[in-house]
Amino acid sequence: MMFGALLVMEGIPYFGFPKAVKQWAHWIHSLPEKKMRAIGFGIMAVGIVLILAIRDILS
C-alpha cells in the first residue's frame, strides 16, 4: 500500500509538469556532488522528522 502511494506521488510531477521536470533534471546535473549530498541529506532529515511527527500524532 505504501509503495503504491509512493509511486503515485513520484509520478505526479512527470505527468503534470514534464517541462519543469526536464529543467529540474538539467539543474541537478549541473550541481557539484558535495551540494547534491547536502541537499539529499536535508531531504532525508525532513522526511525522518515528518515520519516521526506523524507517528506521534497518530498514536
PDB file of N, CA and C in Angstrom:
ATOM      1  N   MET A   1       0.828  -1.197   0.000  1.00  0.00           N
ATOM      2  CA  MET A   1       0.000   0.000   0.000  1.00  0.00           C
ATOM      3  C   MET A   1       0.870   1.258   0.000  1.00  0.00           C
ATOM      4  N   MET A   2       1.844   1.297   0.905  1.00  0.00           N
ATOM      5  CA  MET A   2       2.711   2.474   0.990  1.00  0.00           C
ATOM      6  C   MET A   2       3.555   2.622  -0.273  1.00  0.00           C
ATOM      7  N   PHE A   3       4.008   1.508  -0.834  1.00  0.00           N
ATOM      8  CA  PHE A   3       4.810   1.567  -2.049  1.00  0.00           C
ATOM      9  C   PHE A   3       3.979   2.111  -3.207  1.00  0.00           C
ATOM     10  N   GLY A   4       2.738   1.707  -3.284  1.00  0.00           N
ATOM     11  CA  GLY A   4       1.837   2.216  -4.318  1.00  0.00           C
ATOM     12  C   GLY A   4       1.631   3.721  -4.171  1.00  0.00           C
ATOM     13  N   ALA A   5       1.446   4.181  -2.934  1.00  0.00           N
ATOM     14  CA  ALA A   5       1.284   5.612  -2.692  1.00  0.00           C
ATOM     15  C   ALA A   5       2.555   6.373  -3.083  1.00  0.00           C
ATOM     16  N   LEU A   6       3.702   5.782  -2.799  1.00  0.00           N
ATOM     17  CA  LEU A   6       4.972   6.402  -3.171  1.00  0.00           C
ATOM     18  C   LEU A   6       5.083   6.542  -4.688  1.00  0.00           C
ATOM     19  N   LEU A   7       4.707   5.497  -5.415  1.00  0.00           N
ATOM     20  CA  LEU A   7       4.769   5.554  -6.874  1.00  0.00           C
ATOM     21  C   LEU A   7       3.826   6.612  -7.435  1.00  0.00           C
ATOM     22  N   VAL A   8       2.643   6.745  -6.860  1.00  0.00           N
ATOM     23  CA  VAL A   8       1.709   7.785  -7.304  1.00  0.00           C
ATOM     24  C   VAL A   8       2.318   9.161  -7.073  1.00  0.00           C
ATOM     25  N   MET A   9       2.882   9.388  -5.892  1.00  0.00           N
ATOM     26  CA  MET A   9       3.488  10.683  -5.574  1.00  0.00           C
ATOM     27  C   MET A   9       4.666  10.980  -6.491  1.00  0.00           C
ATOM     28  N   GLU A  10       5.459   9.980  -6.795  1.00  0.00           N
ATOM     29  CA  GLU A  10       6.615  10.162  -7.667  1.00  0.00           C
ATOM     30  C   GLU A  10       6.188  10.449  -9.111  1.00  0.00           C
ATOM     31  N   GLY A  11       5.075   9.910  -9.526  1.00  0.00           N
ATOM     32  CA  GLY A  11       4.631  10.080 -10.900  1.00  0.00           C
ATOM     33  C   GLY A  11       3.932  11.400 -11.182  1.00  0.00           C
ATOM     34  N   ILE A  12       3.425  12.062 -10.157  1.00  0.00           N
ATOM     35  CA  ILE A  12       2.668  13.307 -10.355  1.00  0.00           C
ATOM     36  C   ILE A  12       3.472  14.372 -11.107  1.00  0.00           C
ATOM     37  N   PRO A  13       4.706  14.678 -10.717  1.00  0.00           N
ATOM     38  CA  PRO A  13       5.436  15.720 -11.456  1.00  0.00           C
ATOM     39  C   PRO A  13       5.682  15.359 -12.920  1.00  0.00           C
ATOM     40  N   TYR A  14       6.003  14.101 -13.198  1.00  0.00           N
ATOM     41  CA  TYR A  14       6.268  13.680 -14.572  1.00  0.00           C
ATOM     42  C   TYR A  14       5.013  13.787 -15.436  1.00  0.00           C
ATOM     43  N   PHE A  15       3.869  13.470 -14.866  1.00  0.00           N
ATOM     44  CA  PHE A  15       2.617  13.535 -15.603  1.00  0.00           C
ATOM     45  C   PHE A  15       2.135  14.977 -15.748  1.00  0.00           C
ATOM     46  N   GLY A  16       2.185  15.730 -14.667  1.00  0.00           N
ATOM     47  CA  GLY A  16       1.607  17.072 -14.663  1.00  0.00           C
ATOM     48  C   GLY A  16       2.511  18.176 -15.167  1.00  0.00           C
ATOM     49  N   PHE A  17       3.820  18.017 -14.984  1.00  0.00           N
ATOM     50  CA  PHE A  17       4.746  19.104 -15.295  1.00  0.00           C
ATOM     51  C   PHE A  17       6.012  18.587 -15.975  1.00  0.00           C
ATOM     52  N   PRO A  18       5.894  17.925 -17.125  1.00  0.00           N
ATOM     53  CA  PRO A  18       7.076  17.316 -17.743  1.00  0.00           C
ATOM     54  C   PRO A  18       8.162  18.332 -18.117  1.00  0.00           C
ATOM     55  N   LYS A  19       7.782  19.519 -18.555  1.00  0.00           N
ATOM     56  CA  LYS A  19       8.775  20.527 -18.929  1.00  0.00           C
ATOM     57  C   LYS A  19       9.583  20.962 -17.701  1.00  0.00           C
ATOM     58  N   ALA A  20       8.899  21.190 -16.593  1.00  0.00           N
ATOM     59  CA  ALA A  20       9.583  21.592 -15.364  1.00  0.00           C
ATOM     60  C   ALA A  20      10.511  20.485 -14.861  1.00  0.00           C
ATOM     61  N   VAL A  21      10.102  19.235 -15.015  1.00  0.00           N
ATOM     62  CA  VAL A  21      10.945  18.111 -14.589  1.00  0.00           C
ATOM     63  C   VAL A  21      12.228  18.083 -15.413  1.00  0.00           C
ATOM     64  N   LYS A  22      12.124  18.326 -16.713  1.00  0.00           N
ATOM     65  CA  LYS A  22      13.314  18.358 -17.563  1.00  0.00           C
ATOM     66  C   LYS A  22      14.251  19.490 -17.149  1.00  0.00           C
ATOM     67  N   GLN A  23      13.685  20.667 -16.836  1.00  0.00           N
ATOM     68  CA  GLN A  23      14.507  21.791 -16.391  1.00  0.00           C
ATOM     69  C   GLN A  23      15.182  21.462 -15.062  1.00  0.00           C
ATOM     70  N   TRP A  24      14.447  20.839 -14.166  1.00  0.00           N
ATOM     71  CA  TRP A  24      14.989  20.477 -12.858  1.00  0.00           C
ATOM     72  C   TRP A  24      16.114  19.452 -13.017  1.00  0.00           C
ATOM     73  N   ALA A  25      15.913  18.490 -13.933  1.00  0.00           N
ATOM     74  CA  ALA A  25      16.942  17.475 -14.158  1.00  0.00           C
ATOM     75  C   ALA A  25      18.225  18.118 -14.688  1.00  0.00           C
ATOM     76  N   HIS A  26      18.076  19.096 -15.561  1.00  0.00           N
ATOM     77  CA  HIS A  26      19.256  19.804 -16.077  1.00  0.00           C
ATOM     78  C   HIS A  26      19.966  20.545 -14.941  1.00  0.00           C
ATOM     79  N   TRP A  27      19.187  21.184 -14.076  1.00  0.00           N
ATOM     80  CA  TRP A  27      19.762  21.910 -12.932  1.00  0.00           C
ATOM     81  C   TRP A  27      20.506  20.950 -12.008  1.00  0.00           C
ATOM     82  N   ILE A  28      19.896  19.809 -11.711  1.00  0.00           N
ATOM     83  CA  ILE A  28      20.523  18.806 -10.838  1.00  0.00           C
ATOM     84  C   ILE A  28      21.837  18.319 -11.441  1.00  0.00           C
ATOM     85  N   HIS A  29      21.830  18.097 -12.751  1.00  0.00           N
ATOM     86  CA  HIS A  29      23.024  17.602 -13.436  1.00  0.00           C
ATOM     87  C   HIS A  29      24.196  18.576 -13.306  1.00  0.00           C
ATOM     88  N   SER A  30      23.907  19.864 -13.185  1.00  0.00           N
ATOM     89  CA  SER A  30      24.965  20.866 -13.117  1.00  0.00           C
ATOM     90  C   SER A  30      25.506  21.090 -11.702  1.00  0.00           C
ATOM     91  N   LEU A  31      24.879  20.500 -10.693  1.00  0.00           N
ATOM     92  CA  LEU A  31      25.327  20.698  -9.308  1.00  0.00           C
ATOM     93  C   LEU A  31      26.573  19.873  -8.992  1.00  0.00           C
ATOM     94  N   PRO A  32      27.466  20.428  -8.170  1.00  0.00           N
ATOM     95  CA  PRO A  32      28.589  19.620  -7.704  1.00  0.00           C
ATOM     96  C   PRO A  32      28.104  18.527  -6.739  1.00  0.00           C
ATOM     97  N   GLU A  33      28.870  17.444  -6.659  1.00  0.00           N
ATOM     98  CA  GLU A  33      28.472  16.307  -5.812  1.00  0.00           C
ATOM     99  C   GLU A  33      28.279  16.707  -4.350  1.00  0.00           C
ATOM    100  N   LYS A  34      29.148  17.565  -3.847  1.00  0.00           N
ATOM    101  CA  LYS A  34      29.059  17.964  -2.437  1.00  0.00           C
ATOM    102  C   LYS A  34      27.718  18.640  -2.149  1.00  0.00           C
ATOM    103  N   LYS A  35      27.277  19.496  -3.061  1.00  0.00           N
ATOM    104  CA  LYS A  35      25.999  20.183  -2.871  1.00  0.00           C
ATOM    105  C   LYS A  35      24.837  19.198  -3.001  1.00  0.00           C
ATOM    106  N   MET A  36      24.952  18.253  -3.942  1.00  0.00           N
ATOM    107  CA  MET A  36      23.903  17.244  -4.093  1.00  0.00           C
ATOM    108  C   MET A  36      23.764  16.400  -2.832  1.00  0.00           C
ATOM    109  N   ARG A  37      24.891  16.041  -2.238  1.00  0.00           N
ATOM    110  CA  ARG A  37      24.846  15.259  -0.997  1.00  0.00           C
ATOM    111  C   ARG A  37      24.191  16.056   0.126  1.00  0.00           C
ATOM    112  N   ALA A  38      24.499  17.348   0.200  1.00  0.00           N
ATOM    113  CA  ALA A  38      23.895  18.192   1.237  1.00  0.00           C
ATOM    114  C   ALA A  38      22.381  18.297   1.043  1.00  0.00           C
ATOM    115  N   ILE A  39      21.954  18.468  -0.200  1.00  0.00           N
ATOM    116  CA  ILE A  39      20.520  18.530  -0.487  1.00  0.00           C
ATOM    117  C   ILE A  39      19.860  17.198  -0.144  1.00  0.00           C
ATOM    118  N   GLY A  40      20.478  16.099  -0.548  1.00  0.00           N
ATOM    119  CA  GLY A  40      19.936  14.773  -0.245  1.00  0.00           C
ATOM    120  C   GLY A  40      19.824  14.520   1.246  1.00  0.00           C
ATOM    121  N   PHE A  41      20.846  14.927   1.996  1.00  0.00           N
ATOM    122  CA  PHE A  41      20.808  14.761   3.446  1.00  0.00           C
ATOM    123  C   PHE A  41      19.671  15.579   4.049  1.00  0.00           C
ATOM    124  N   GLY A  42      19.516  16.807   3.566  1.00  0.00           N
ATOM    125  CA  GLY A  42      18.432  17.663   4.071  1.00  0.00           C
ATOM    126  C   GLY A  42      17.063  17.071   3.795  1.00  0.00           C
ATOM    127  N   ILE A  43      16.879  16.537   2.593  1.00  0.00           N
ATOM    128  CA  ILE A  43      15.595  15.924   2.245  1.00  0.00           C
ATOM    129  C   ILE A  43      15.327  14.709   3.123  1.00  0.00           C
ATOM    130  N   MET A  44      16.350  13.876   3.348  1.00  0.00           N
ATOM    131  CA  MET A  44      16.168  12.709   4.220  1.00  0.00           C
ATOM    132  C   MET A  44      15.838  13.138   5.643  1.00  0.00           C
ATOM    133  N   ALA A  45      16.505  14.177   6.143  1.00  0.00           N
ATOM    134  CA  ALA A  45      16.248  14.656   7.505  1.00  0.00           C
ATOM    135  C   ALA A  45      14.809  15.151   7.645  1.00  0.00           C
ATOM    136  N   VAL A  46      14.340  15.909   6.664  1.00  0.00           N
ATOM    137  CA  VAL A  46      12.953  16.384   6.706  1.00  0.00           C
ATOM    138  C   VAL A  46      11.992  15.205   6.665  1.00  0.00           C
ATOM    139  N   GLY A  47      12.283  14.205   5.839  1.00  0.00           N
ATOM    140  CA  GLY A  47      11.437  13.020   5.761  1.00  0.00           C
ATOM    141  C   GLY A  47      11.357  12.277   7.085  1.00  0.00           C
ATOM    142  N   ILE A  48      12.490  12.125   7.747  1.00  0.00           N
ATOM    143  CA  ILE A  48      12.500  11.441   9.044  1.00  0.00           C
ATOM    144  C   ILE A  48      11.702  12.219  10.079  1.00  0.00           C
ATOM    145  N   VAL A  49      11.872  13.532  10.096  1.00  0.00           N
ATOM    146  CA  VAL A  49      11.122  14.374  11.038  1.00  0.00           C
ATOM    147  C   VAL A  49       9.620  14.248  10.772  1.00  0.00           C
ATOM    148  N   LEU A  50       9.219  14.273   9.502  1.00  0.00           N
ATOM    149  CA  LEU A  50       7.799  14.120   9.175  1.00  0.00           C
ATOM    150  C   LEU A  50       7.258  12.769   9.614  1.00  0.00           C
ATOM    151  N   ILE A  51       8.014  11.712   9.363  1.00  0.00           N
ATOM    152  CA  ILE A  51       7.574  10.377   9.769  1.00  0.00           C
ATOM    153  C   ILE A  51       7.394  10.312  11.283  1.00  0.00           C
ATOM    154  N   LEU A  52       8.357  10.826  12.029  1.00  0.00           N
ATOM    155  CA  LEU A  52       8.259  10.798  13.492  1.00  0.00           C
ATOM    156  C   LEU A  52       7.106  11.655  13.997  1.00  0.00           C
ATOM    157  N   ALA A  53       6.912  12.823  13.389  1.00  0.00           N
ATOM    158  CA  ALA A  53       5.822  13.703  13.815  1.00  0.00           C
ATOM    159  C   ALA A  53       4.468  13.061  13.547  1.00  0.00           C
ATOM    160  N   ILE A  54       4.299  12.487  12.380  1.00  0.00           N
ATOM    161  CA  ILE A  54       3.018  11.845  12.044  1.00  0.00           C
ATOM    162  C   ILE A  54       2.793  10.630  12.912  1.00  0.00           C
ATOM    163  N   ARG A  55       3.846   9.881  13.193  1.00  0.00           N
ATOM    164  CA  ARG A  55       3.715   8.708  14.071  1.00  0.00           C
ATOM    165  C   ARG A  55       3.254   9.132  15.456  1.00  0.00           C
ATOM    166  N   ASP A  56       3.811  10.230  15.972  1.00  0.00           N
ATOM    167  CA  ASP A  56       3.417  10.711  17.298  1.00  0.00           C
ATOM    168  C   ASP A  56       1.985  11.229  17.297  1.00  0.00           C
ATOM    169  N   ILE A  57       1.576  11.893  16.222  1.00  0.00           N
ATOM    170  CA  ILE A  57       0.216  12.411  16.137  1.00  0.00           C
ATOM    171  C   ILE A  57      -0.805  11.281  16.083  1.00  0.00           C
ATOM    172  N   LEU A  58      -0.484  10.227  15.348  1.00  0.00           N
ATOM    173  CA  LEU A  58      -1.409   9.124  15.179  1.00  0.00           C
ATOM    174  C   LEU A  58      -1.457   8.155  16.363  1.00  0.00           C
ATOM    175  N   SER A  59      -0.476   8.230  17.236  1.00  0.00           N
ATOM    176  CA  SER A  59      -0.501   7.286  18.370  1.00  0.00           C
ATOM    177  C   SER A  59      -0.955   7.934  19.656  1.00  0.00           C
TER     178      SER A  59
END
